[in-house]
Amino acid sequence: MLPPELPPLPALTGAEAELIDRYLEVVDLLGRINPAHSGDTYRGLRAAQALVSRATALRDALALMHQRGEHEMHAPTLARALRVLDGERRVGRVALPPGSDS
């Protein structure tokens, strides 16, 4: 049995696709660094070291969009792309886990 088919990605410019990819890389790294989740310090350190270059790539993607005249982010389209690429789960790793009432 084949897994269910994902919805297609919305039409994105090359710069928008680059922005989405770089944004999700940064989010993934922040999720690995999140001190509210269990893990070892070495894993967090490695993610923090990688974050520098990924944040630079994210900045460059945004700068390229701006230079090309793409001055507005089309939030509904970009949000749809993030959802297709499992962005909700990935961004959830950055948030605090639900607290206990104790």
PDB file of N, CA and C in Angstrom:
ATOM      1  N   MET A   1       0.843  -1.174   0.000  1.00  0.00           N
ATOM      2  CA  MET A   1       0.000   0.000   0.000  1.00  0.00           C
ATOM      3  C   MET A   1       0.892   1.242   0.000  1.00  0.00           C
ATOM      4  N   LEU A   2       0.575   2.167  -0.867  1.00  0.00           N
ATOM      5  CA  LEU A   2       1.347   3.399  -0.973  1.00  0.00           C
ATOM      6  C   LEU A   2       0.882   4.401   0.077  1.00  0.00           C
ATOM      7  N   PRO A   3       1.809   5.250   0.559  1.00  0.00           N
ATOM      8  CA  PRO A   3       1.392   6.292   1.508  1.00  0.00           C
ATOM      9  C   PRO A   3       0.486   7.296   0.808  1.00  0.00           C
ATOM     10  N   PRO A   4      -0.338   8.008   1.584  1.00  0.00           N
ATOM     11  CA  PRO A   4      -1.218   8.991   0.934  1.00  0.00           C
ATOM     12  C   PRO A   4      -0.394  10.053   0.228  1.00  0.00           C
ATOM     13  N   GLU A   5      -0.925  10.506  -0.889  1.00  0.00           N
ATOM     14  CA  GLU A   5      -0.229  11.510  -1.678  1.00  0.00           C
ATOM     15  C   GLU A   5      -0.353  12.874  -1.022  1.00  0.00           C
ATOM     16  N   LEU A   6       0.755  13.589  -0.939  1.00  0.00           N
ATOM     17  CA  LEU A   6       0.734  14.936  -0.378  1.00  0.00           C
ATOM     18  C   LEU A   6       0.124  15.898  -1.383  1.00  0.00           C
ATOM     19  N   PRO A   7      -0.502  16.955  -0.878  1.00  0.00           N
ATOM     20  CA  PRO A   7      -0.990  17.963  -1.820  1.00  0.00           C
ATOM     21  C   PRO A   7       0.199  18.595  -2.539  1.00  0.00           C
ATOM     22  N   PRO A   8      -0.021  19.080  -3.735  1.00  0.00           N
ATOM     23  CA  PRO A   8       1.106  19.685  -4.458  1.00  0.00           C
ATOM     24  C   PRO A   8       1.518  21.004  -3.815  1.00  0.00           C
ATOM     25  N   LEU A   9       2.780  21.314  -3.969  1.00  0.00           N
ATOM     26  CA  LEU A   9       3.256  22.621  -3.503  1.00  0.00           C
ATOM     27  C   LEU A   9       2.621  23.704  -4.365  1.00  0.00           C
ATOM     28  N   PRO A  10       2.295  24.832  -3.750  1.00  0.00           N
ATOM     29  CA  PRO A  10       1.785  25.927  -4.578  1.00  0.00           C
ATOM     30  C   PRO A  10       2.900  26.457  -5.474  1.00  0.00           C
ATOM     31  N   ALA A  11       2.527  27.155  -6.502  1.00  0.00           N
ATOM     32  CA  ALA A  11       3.514  27.752  -7.404  1.00  0.00           C
ATOM     33  C   ALA A  11       4.298  28.822  -6.650  1.00  0.00           C
ATOM     34  N   LEU A  12       5.597  28.661  -6.620  1.00  0.00           N
ATOM     35  CA  LEU A  12       6.478  29.603  -5.937  1.00  0.00           C
ATOM     36  C   LEU A  12       7.538  30.089  -6.907  1.00  0.00           C
ATOM     37  N   THR A  13       7.997  31.318  -6.709  1.00  0.00           N
ATOM     38  CA  THR A  13       9.167  31.764  -7.460  1.00  0.00           C
ATOM     39  C   THR A  13      10.368  30.998  -6.916  1.00  0.00           C
ATOM     40  N   GLY A  14      11.448  31.016  -7.645  1.00  0.00           N
ATOM     41  CA  GLY A  14      12.666  30.367  -7.151  1.00  0.00           C
ATOM     42  C   GLY A  14      13.125  30.965  -5.834  1.00  0.00           C
ATOM     43  N   ALA A  15      13.000  32.287  -5.707  1.00  0.00           N
ATOM     44  CA  ALA A  15      13.413  32.956  -4.475  1.00  0.00           C
ATOM     45  C   ALA A  15      12.499  32.580  -3.314  1.00  0.00           C
ATOM     46  N   GLU A  16      11.191  32.444  -3.576  1.00  0.00           N
ATOM     47  CA  GLU A  16      10.276  32.027  -2.514  1.00  0.00           C
ATOM     48  C   GLU A  16      10.576  30.604  -2.057  1.00  0.00           C
ATOM     49  N   ALA A  17      10.855  29.726  -3.008  1.00  0.00           N
ATOM     50  CA  ALA A  17      11.201  28.345  -2.664  1.00  0.00           C
ATOM     51  C   ALA A  17      12.476  28.317  -1.822  1.00  0.00           C
ATOM     52  N   GLU A  18      13.446  29.133  -2.189  1.00  0.00           N
ATOM     53  CA  GLU A  18      14.697  29.227  -1.422  1.00  0.00           C
ATOM     54  C   GLU A  18      14.407  29.739  -0.010  1.00  0.00           C
ATOM     55  N   LEU A  19      13.550  30.738   0.108  1.00  0.00           N
ATOM     56  CA  LEU A  19      13.173  31.277   1.411  1.00  0.00           C
ATOM     57  C   LEU A  19      12.549  30.186   2.281  1.00  0.00           C
ATOM     58  N   ILE A  20      11.609  29.442   1.737  1.00  0.00           N
ATOM     59  CA  ILE A  20      10.940  28.375   2.492  1.00  0.00           C
ATOM     60  C   ILE A  20      11.954  27.324   2.939  1.00  0.00           C
ATOM     61  N   ASP A  21      12.829  26.902   2.036  1.00  0.00           N
ATOM     62  CA  ASP A  21      13.830  25.890   2.376  1.00  0.00           C
ATOM     63  C   ASP A  21      14.765  26.376   3.486  1.00  0.00           C
ATOM     64  N   ARG A  22      15.267  27.594   3.352  1.00  0.00           N
ATOM     65  CA  ARG A  22      16.200  28.124   4.356  1.00  0.00           C
ATOM     66  C   ARG A  22      15.493  28.344   5.700  1.00  0.00           C
ATOM     67  N   TYR A  23      14.246  28.821   5.655  1.00  0.00           N
ATOM     68  CA  TYR A  23      13.473  29.041   6.879  1.00  0.00           C
ATOM     69  C   TYR A  23      13.294  27.718   7.634  1.00  0.00           C
ATOM     70  N   LEU A  24      12.920  26.666   6.916  1.00  0.00           N
ATOM     71  CA  LEU A  24      12.716  25.376   7.579  1.00  0.00           C
ATOM     72  C   LEU A  24      14.025  24.804   8.116  1.00  0.00           C
ATOM     73  N   GLU A  25      15.129  25.058   7.450  1.00  0.00           N
ATOM     74  CA  GLU A  25      16.425  24.616   7.990  1.00  0.00           C
ATOM     75  C   GLU A  25      16.699  25.303   9.323  1.00  0.00           C
ATOM     76  N   VAL A  26      16.451  26.602   9.393  1.00  0.00           N
ATOM     77  CA  VAL A  26      16.659  27.348  10.636  1.00  0.00           C
ATOM     78  C   VAL A  26      15.733  26.826  11.725  1.00  0.00           C
ATOM     79  N   VAL A  27      14.477  26.601  11.382  1.00  0.00           N
ATOM     80  CA  VAL A  27      13.506  26.089  12.352  1.00  0.00           C
ATOM     81  C   VAL A  27      13.954  24.725  12.882  1.00  0.00           C
ATOM     82  N   ASP A  28      14.399  23.847  11.991  1.00  0.00           N
ATOM     83  CA  ASP A  28      14.862  22.523  12.422  1.00  0.00           C
ATOM     84  C   ASP A  28      16.025  22.635  13.404  1.00  0.00           C
ATOM     85  N   LEU A  29      16.949  23.539  13.123  1.00  0.00           N
ATOM     86  CA  LEU A  29      18.088  23.714  14.015  1.00  0.00           C
ATOM     87  C   LEU A  29      17.649  24.293  15.362  1.00  0.00           C
ATOM     88  N   LEU A  30      16.756  25.261  15.339  1.00  0.00           N
ATOM     89  CA  LEU A  30      16.250  25.817  16.599  1.00  0.00           C
ATOM     90  C   LEU A  30      15.529  24.749  17.417  1.00  0.00           C
ATOM     91  N   GLY A  31      14.817  23.862  16.744  1.00  0.00           N
ATOM     92  CA  GLY A  31      14.166  22.758  17.440  1.00  0.00           C
ATOM     93  C   GLY A  31      15.174  21.839  18.120  1.00  0.00           C
ATOM     94  N   ARG A  32      16.324  21.645  17.497  1.00  0.00           N
ATOM     95  CA  ARG A  32      17.364  20.799  18.102  1.00  0.00           C
ATOM     96  C   ARG A  32      18.047  21.492  19.273  1.00  0.00           C
ATOM     97  N   ILE A  33      18.048  22.825  19.256  1.00  0.00           N
ATOM     98  CA  ILE A  33      18.691  23.600  20.320  1.00  0.00           C
ATOM     99  C   ILE A  33      17.747  23.808  21.507  1.00  0.00           C
ATOM    100  N   ASN A  34      16.447  23.738  21.287  1.00  0.00           N
ATOM    101  CA  ASN A  34      15.443  24.053  22.302  1.00  0.00           C
ATOM    102  C   ASN A  34      15.754  23.357  23.634  1.00  0.00           C
ATOM    103  N   PRO A  35      16.067  24.141  24.681  1.00  0.00           N
ATOM    104  CA  PRO A  35      16.420  23.527  25.965  1.00  0.00           C
ATOM    105  C   PRO A  35      15.229  22.900  26.679  1.00  0.00           C
ATOM    106  N   ALA A  36      14.020  23.131  26.215  1.00  0.00           N
ATOM    107  CA  ALA A  36      12.842  22.527  26.833  1.00  0.00           C
ATOM    108  C   ALA A  36      12.639  21.081  26.386  1.00  0.00           C
ATOM    109  N   HIS A  37      13.415  20.639  25.403  1.00  0.00           N
ATOM    110  CA  HIS A  37      13.348  19.254  24.945  1.00  0.00           C
ATOM    111  C   HIS A  37      14.594  18.525  25.426  1.00  0.00           C
ATOM    112  N   SER A  38      14.436  17.241  25.672  1.00  0.00           N
ATOM    113  CA  SER A  38      15.593  16.473  26.130  1.00  0.00           C
ATOM    114  C   SER A  38      16.600  16.314  25.000  1.00  0.00           C
ATOM    115  N   GLY A  39      17.813  16.139  25.363  1.00  0.00           N
ATOM    116  CA  GLY A  39      18.895  15.973  24.402  1.00  0.00           C
ATOM    117  C   GLY A  39      20.201  16.333  25.081  1.00  0.00           C
ATOM    118  N   ASP A  40      21.285  16.068  24.419  1.00  0.00           N
ATOM    119  CA  ASP A  40      22.568  16.371  25.037  1.00  0.00           C
ATOM    120  C   ASP A  40      23.093  17.720  24.553  1.00  0.00           C
ATOM    121  N   THR A  41      24.024  18.270  25.309  1.00  0.00           N
ATOM    122  CA  THR A  41      24.547  19.598  24.987  1.00  0.00           C
ATOM    123  C   THR A  41      25.342  19.588  23.685  1.00  0.00           C
ATOM    124  N   TYR A  42      25.988  18.483  23.368  1.00  0.00           N
ATOM    125  CA  TYR A  42      26.777  18.427  22.145  1.00  0.00           C
ATOM    126  C   TYR A  42      25.876  18.576  20.921  1.00  0.00           C
ATOM    127  N   ARG A  43      24.729  17.911  20.964  1.00  0.00           N
ATOM    128  CA  ARG A  43      23.769  18.025  19.858  1.00  0.00           C
ATOM    129  C   ARG A  43      23.324  19.482  19.707  1.00  0.00           C
ATOM    130  N   GLY A  44      23.029  20.142  20.824  1.00  0.00           N
ATOM    131  CA  GLY A  44      22.642  21.546  20.779  1.00  0.00           C
ATOM    132  C   GLY A  44      23.767  22.433  20.273  1.00  0.00           C
ATOM    133  N   LEU A  45      24.978  22.141  20.701  1.00  0.00           N
ATOM    134  CA  LEU A  45      26.135  22.915  20.251  1.00  0.00           C
ATOM    135  C   LEU A  45      26.320  22.804  18.753  1.00  0.00           C
ATOM    136  N   ARG A  46      26.228  21.599  18.233  1.00  0.00           N
ATOM    137  CA  ARG A  46      26.390  21.393  16.791  1.00  0.00           C
ATOM    138  C   ARG A  46      25.295  22.122  16.012  1.00  0.00           C
ATOM    139  N   ALA A  47      24.080  22.075  16.518  1.00  0.00           N
ATOM    140  CA  ALA A  47      22.981  22.777  15.856  1.00  0.00           C
ATOM    141  C   ALA A  47      23.206  24.287  15.910  1.00  0.00           C
ATOM    142  N   ALA A  48      23.677  24.796  17.034  1.00  0.00           N
ATOM    143  CA  ALA A  48      23.928  26.235  17.166  1.00  0.00           C
ATOM    144  C   ALA A  48      25.038  26.679  16.212  1.00  0.00           C
ATOM    145  N   GLN A  49      26.052  25.847  16.050  1.00  0.00           N
ATOM    146  CA  GLN A  49      27.126  26.185  15.118  1.00  0.00           C
ATOM    147  C   GLN A  49      26.605  26.226  13.685  1.00  0.00           C
ATOM    148  N   ALA A  50      25.756  25.293  13.341  1.00  0.00           N
ATOM    149  CA  ALA A  50      25.193  25.259  11.991  1.00  0.00           C
ATOM    150  C   ALA A  50      24.199  26.395  11.771  1.00  0.00           C
ATOM    151  N   LEU A  51      23.588  26.863  12.843  1.00  0.00           N
ATOM    152  CA  LEU A  51      22.580  27.914  12.741  1.00  0.00           C
ATOM    153  C   LEU A  51      23.148  29.191  12.129  1.00  0.00           C
ATOM    154  N   VAL A  52      24.390  29.481  12.415  1.00  0.00           N
ATOM    155  CA  VAL A  52      25.011  30.703  11.893  1.00  0.00           C
ATOM    156  C   VAL A  52      24.969  30.721  10.364  1.00  0.00           C
ATOM    157  N   SER A  53      25.416  29.658   9.748  1.00  0.00           N
ATOM    158  CA  SER A  53      25.448  29.637   8.278  1.00  0.00           C
ATOM    159  C   SER A  53      24.042  29.554   7.691  1.00  0.00           C
ATOM    160  N   ARG A  54      23.141  28.834   8.344  1.00  0.00           N
ATOM    161  CA  ARG A  54      21.765  28.713   7.844  1.00  0.00           C
ATOM    162  C   ARG A  54      21.017  30.042   7.972  1.00  0.00           C
ATOM    163  N   ALA A  55      21.270  30.781   9.054  1.00  0.00           N
ATOM    164  CA  ALA A  55      20.647  32.101   9.205  1.00  0.00           C
ATOM    165  C   ALA A  55      21.175  33.058   8.141  1.00  0.00           C
ATOM    166  N   THR A  56      22.438  32.944   7.813  1.00  0.00           N
ATOM    167  CA  THR A  56      23.018  33.761   6.747  1.00  0.00           C
ATOM    168  C   THR A  56      22.368  33.416   5.409  1.00  0.00           C
ATOM    169  N   ALA A  57      22.152  32.148   5.154  1.00  0.00           N
ATOM    170  CA  ALA A  57      21.496  31.730   3.908  1.00  0.00           C
ATOM    171  C   ALA A  57      20.048  32.227   3.863  1.00  0.00           C
ATOM    172  N   LEU A  58      19.375  32.233   5.005  1.00  0.00           N
ATOM    173  CA  LEU A  58      18.006  32.760   5.073  1.00  0.00           C
ATOM    174  C   LEU A  58      18.004  34.254   4.769  1.00  0.00           C
ATOM    175  N   ARG A  59      18.941  34.977   5.366  1.00  0.00           N
ATOM    176  CA  ARG A  59      19.068  36.409   5.080  1.00  0.00           C
ATOM    177  C   ARG A  59      19.320  36.647   3.601  1.00  0.00           C
ATOM    178  N   ASP A  60      20.203  35.857   3.012  1.00  0.00           N
ATOM    179  CA  ASP A  60      20.524  36.013   1.593  1.00  0.00           C
ATOM    180  C   ASP A  60      19.307  35.730   0.706  1.00  0.00           C
ATOM    181  N   ALA A  61      18.493  34.746   1.085  1.00  0.00           N
ATOM    182  CA  ALA A  61      17.283  34.444   0.312  1.00  0.00           C
ATOM    183  C   ALA A  61      16.324  35.629   0.354  1.00  0.00           C
ATOM    184  N   LEU A  62      16.167  36.230   1.519  1.00  0.00           N
ATOM    185  CA  LEU A  62      15.294  37.406   1.637  1.00  0.00           C
ATOM    186  C   LEU A  62      15.865  38.598   0.871  1.00  0.00           C
ATOM    187  N   ALA A  63      17.173  38.778   0.938  1.00  0.00           N
ATOM    188  CA  ALA A  63      17.808  39.884   0.209  1.00  0.00           C
ATOM    189  C   ALA A  63      17.622  39.704  -1.299  1.00  0.00           C
ATOM    190  N   LEU A  64      17.749  38.475  -1.769  1.00  0.00           N
ATOM    191  CA  LEU A  64      17.561  38.198  -3.197  1.00  0.00           C
ATOM    192  C   LEU A  64      16.123  38.508  -3.621  1.00  0.00           C
ATOM    193  N   MET A  65      15.165  38.117  -2.806  1.00  0.00           N
ATOM    194  CA  MET A  65      13.768  38.432  -3.118  1.00  0.00           C
ATOM    195  C   MET A  65      13.585  39.939  -3.240  1.00  0.00           C
ATOM    196  N   HIS A  66      14.143  40.660  -2.297  1.00  0.00           N
ATOM    197  CA  HIS A  66      14.001  42.118  -2.297  1.00  0.00           C
ATOM    198  C   HIS A  66      14.674  42.734  -3.530  1.00  0.00           C
ATOM    199  N   GLN A  67      15.877  42.257  -3.849  1.00  0.00           N
ATOM    200  CA  GLN A  67      16.595  42.782  -5.014  1.00  0.00           C
ATOM    201  C   GLN A  67      15.846  42.509  -6.312  1.00  0.00           C
ATOM    202  N   ARG A  68      15.139  41.404  -6.378  1.00  0.00           N
ATOM    203  CA  ARG A  68      14.393  41.046  -7.591  1.00  0.00           C
ATOM    204  C   ARG A  68      13.045  41.749  -7.671  1.00  0.00           C
ATOM    205  N   GLY A  69      12.758  42.592  -6.693  1.00  0.00           N
ATOM    206  CA  GLY A  69      11.499  43.317  -6.720  1.00  0.00           C
ATOM    207  C   GLY A  69      10.346  42.590  -6.058  1.00  0.00           C
ATOM    208  N   GLU A  70      10.633  41.480  -5.402  1.00  0.00           N
ATOM    209  CA  GLU A  70       9.592  40.750  -4.671  1.00  0.00           C
ATOM    210  C   GLU A  70       9.512  41.376  -3.272  1.00  0.00           C
ATOM    211  N   HIS A  71       8.778  42.464  -3.167  1.00  0.00           N
ATOM    212  CA  HIS A  71       8.754  43.233  -1.928  1.00  0.00           C
ATOM    213  C   HIS A  71       7.690  42.771  -0.942  1.00  0.00           C
ATOM    214  N   GLU A  72       6.775  41.940  -1.368  1.00  0.00           N
ATOM    215  CA  GLU A  72       5.738  41.437  -0.483  1.00  0.00           C
ATOM    216  C   GLU A  72       5.850  39.934  -0.359  1.00  0.00           C
ATOM    217  N   MET A  73       5.599  39.437   0.854  1.00  0.00           N
ATOM    218  CA  MET A  73       5.502  37.997   1.047  1.00  0.00           C
ATOM    219  C   MET A  73       4.031  37.643   0.932  1.00  0.00           C
ATOM    220  N   HIS A  74       3.722  36.700   0.107  1.00  0.00           N
ATOM    221  CA  HIS A  74       2.347  36.256  -0.082  1.00  0.00           C
ATOM    222  C   HIS A  74       2.069  35.164   0.947  1.00  0.00           C
ATOM    223  N   ALA A  75       1.685  35.622   2.144  1.00  0.00           N
ATOM    224  CA  ALA A  75       1.566  34.749   3.311  1.00  0.00           C
ATOM    225  C   ALA A  75       0.689  33.522   3.078  1.00  0.00           C
ATOM    226  N   PRO A  76      -0.495  33.650   2.496  1.00  0.00           N
ATOM    227  CA  PRO A  76      -1.310  32.434   2.321  1.00  0.00           C
ATOM    228  C   PRO A  76      -0.608  31.371   1.464  1.00  0.00           C
ATOM    229  N   THR A  77       0.053  31.792   0.404  1.00  0.00           N
ATOM    230  CA  THR A  77       0.761  30.850  -0.473  1.00  0.00           C
ATOM    231  C   THR A  77       1.952  30.236   0.245  1.00  0.00           C
ATOM    232  N   LEU A  78       2.716  31.067   0.938  1.00  0.00           N
ATOM    233  CA  LEU A  78       3.891  30.555   1.648  1.00  0.00           C
ATOM    234  C   LEU A  78       3.477  29.654   2.814  1.00  0.00           C
ATOM    235  N   ALA A  79       2.386  29.991   3.490  1.00  0.00           N
ATOM    236  CA  ALA A  79       1.891  29.139   4.579  1.00  0.00           C
ATOM    237  C   ALA A  79       1.453  27.779   4.041  1.00  0.00           C
ATOM    238  N   ARG A  80       0.822  27.774   2.866  1.00  0.00           N
ATOM    239  CA  ARG A  80       0.421  26.509   2.255  1.00  0.00           C
ATOM    240  C   ARG A  80       1.648  25.657   1.941  1.00  0.00           C
ATOM    241  N   ALA A  81       2.688  26.280   1.428  1.00  0.00           N
ATOM    242  CA  ALA A  81       3.928  25.545   1.139  1.00  0.00           C
ATOM    243  C   ALA A  81       4.531  24.986   2.422  1.00  0.00           C
ATOM    244  N   LEU A  82       4.520  25.780   3.487  1.00  0.00           N
ATOM    245  CA  LEU A  82       5.058  25.304   4.767  1.00  0.00           C
ATOM    246  C   LEU A  82       4.271  24.106   5.284  1.00  0.00           C
ATOM    247  N   ARG A  83       2.959  24.153   5.140  1.00  0.00           N
ATOM    248  CA  ARG A  83       2.136  23.028   5.606  1.00  0.00           C
ATOM    249  C   ARG A  83       2.438  21.757   4.816  1.00  0.00           C
ATOM    250  N   VAL A  84       2.587  21.879   3.496  1.00  0.00           N
ATOM    251  CA  VAL A  84       2.895  20.715   2.663  1.00  0.00           C
ATOM    252  C   VAL A  84       4.234  20.113   3.086  1.00  0.00           C
ATOM    253  N   LEU A  85       5.166  20.964   3.499  1.00  0.00           N
ATOM    254  CA  LEU A  85       6.512  20.508   3.877  1.00  0.00           C
ATOM    255  C   LEU A  85       6.630  20.209   5.371  1.00  0.00           C
ATOM    256  N   ASP A  86       5.490  19.948   6.014  1.00  0.00           N
ATOM    257  CA  ASP A  86       5.458  19.533   7.420  1.00  0.00           C
ATOM    258  C   ASP A  86       5.927  20.644   8.359  1.00  0.00           C
ATOM    259  N   GLY A  87       5.703  21.882   7.949  1.00  0.00           N
ATOM    260  CA  GLY A  87       6.155  23.021   8.736  1.00  0.00           C
ATOM    261  C   GLY A  87       5.518  23.127  10.105  1.00  0.00           C
ATOM    262  N   GLU A  88       4.242  22.732  10.237  1.00  0.00           N
ATOM    263  CA  GLU A  88       3.587  22.844  11.543  1.00  0.00           C
ATOM    264  C   GLU A  88       4.282  21.973  12.587  1.00  0.00           C
ATOM    265  N   ARG A  89       4.605  20.747  12.234  1.00  0.00           N
ATOM    266  CA  ARG A  89       5.300  19.866  13.169  1.00  0.00           C
ATOM    267  C   ARG A  89       6.695  20.400  13.466  1.00  0.00           C
ATOM    268  N   ARG A  90       7.378  20.841  12.421  1.00  0.00           N
ATOM    269  CA  ARG A  90       8.753  21.304  12.583  1.00  0.00           C
ATOM    270  C   ARG A  90       8.823  22.560  13.440  1.00  0.00           C
ATOM    271  N   VAL A  91       7.904  23.490  13.239  1.00  0.00           N
ATOM    272  CA  VAL A  91       7.863  24.708  14.045  1.00  0.00           C
ATOM    273  C   VAL A  91       7.465  24.372  15.482  1.00  0.00           C
ATOM    274  N   GLY A  92       6.656  23.348  15.644  1.00  0.00           N
ATOM    275  CA  GLY A  92       6.243  22.928  16.983  1.00  0.00           C
ATOM    276  C   GLY A  92       7.412  22.526  17.866  1.00  0.00           C
ATOM    277  N   ARG A  93       8.498  22.065  17.292  1.00  0.00           N
ATOM    278  CA  ARG A  93       9.680  21.679  18.078  1.00  0.00           C
ATOM    279  C   ARG A  93      10.368  22.883  18.694  1.00  0.00           C
ATOM    280  N   VAL A  94      10.076  24.083  18.167  1.00  0.00           N
ATOM    281  CA  VAL A  94      10.679  25.293  18.699  1.00  0.00           C
ATOM    282  C   VAL A  94       9.896  25.777  19.927  1.00  0.00           C
ATOM    283  N   ALA A  95       8.621  25.466  19.981  1.00  0.00           N
ATOM    284  CA  ALA A  95       7.759  25.933  21.074  1.00  0.00           C
ATOM    285  C   ALA A  95       8.022  25.132  22.359  1.00  0.00           C
ATOM    286  N   LEU A  96       7.560  25.711  23.454  1.00  0.00           N
ATOM    287  CA  LEU A  96       7.633  24.997  24.730  1.00  0.00           C
ATOM    288  C   LEU A  96       6.616  23.858  24.733  1.00  0.00           C
ATOM    289  N   PRO A  97       6.986  22.710  25.285  1.00  0.00           N
ATOM    290  CA  PRO A  97       5.992  21.634  25.401  1.00  0.00           C
ATOM    291  C   PRO A  97       4.934  22.044  26.431  1.00  0.00           C
ATOM    292  N   PRO A  98       3.757  21.438  26.365  1.00  0.00           N
ATOM    293  CA  PRO A  98       2.723  21.779  27.330  1.00  0.00           C
ATOM    294  C   PRO A  98       3.237  21.583  28.763  1.00  0.00           C
ATOM    295  N   GLY A  99       2.930  22.539  29.615  1.00  0.00           N
ATOM    296  CA  GLY A  99       3.403  22.485  30.991  1.00  0.00           C
ATOM    297  C   GLY A  99       2.500  21.628  31.855  1.00  0.00           C
ATOM    298  N   SER A 100       3.061  21.196  32.962  1.00  0.00           N
ATOM    299  CA  SER A 100       2.258  20.452  33.928  1.00  0.00           C
ATOM    300  C   SER A 100       1.693  21.449  34.923  1.00  0.00           C
ATOM    301  N   ASP A 101       0.580  21.105  35.509  1.00  0.00           N
ATOM    302  CA  ASP A 101      -0.082  22.005  36.455  1.00  0.00           C
ATOM    303  C   ASP A 101       0.426  21.815  37.875  1.00  0.00           C
ATOM    304  N   SER A 102       1.543  21.168  38.054  1.00  0.00           N
ATOM    305  CA  SER A 102       2.044  20.922  39.412  1.00  0.00           C
ATOM    306  C   SER A 102       2.872  22.069  39.939  1.00  0.00           C
TER     307      SER A 102
END
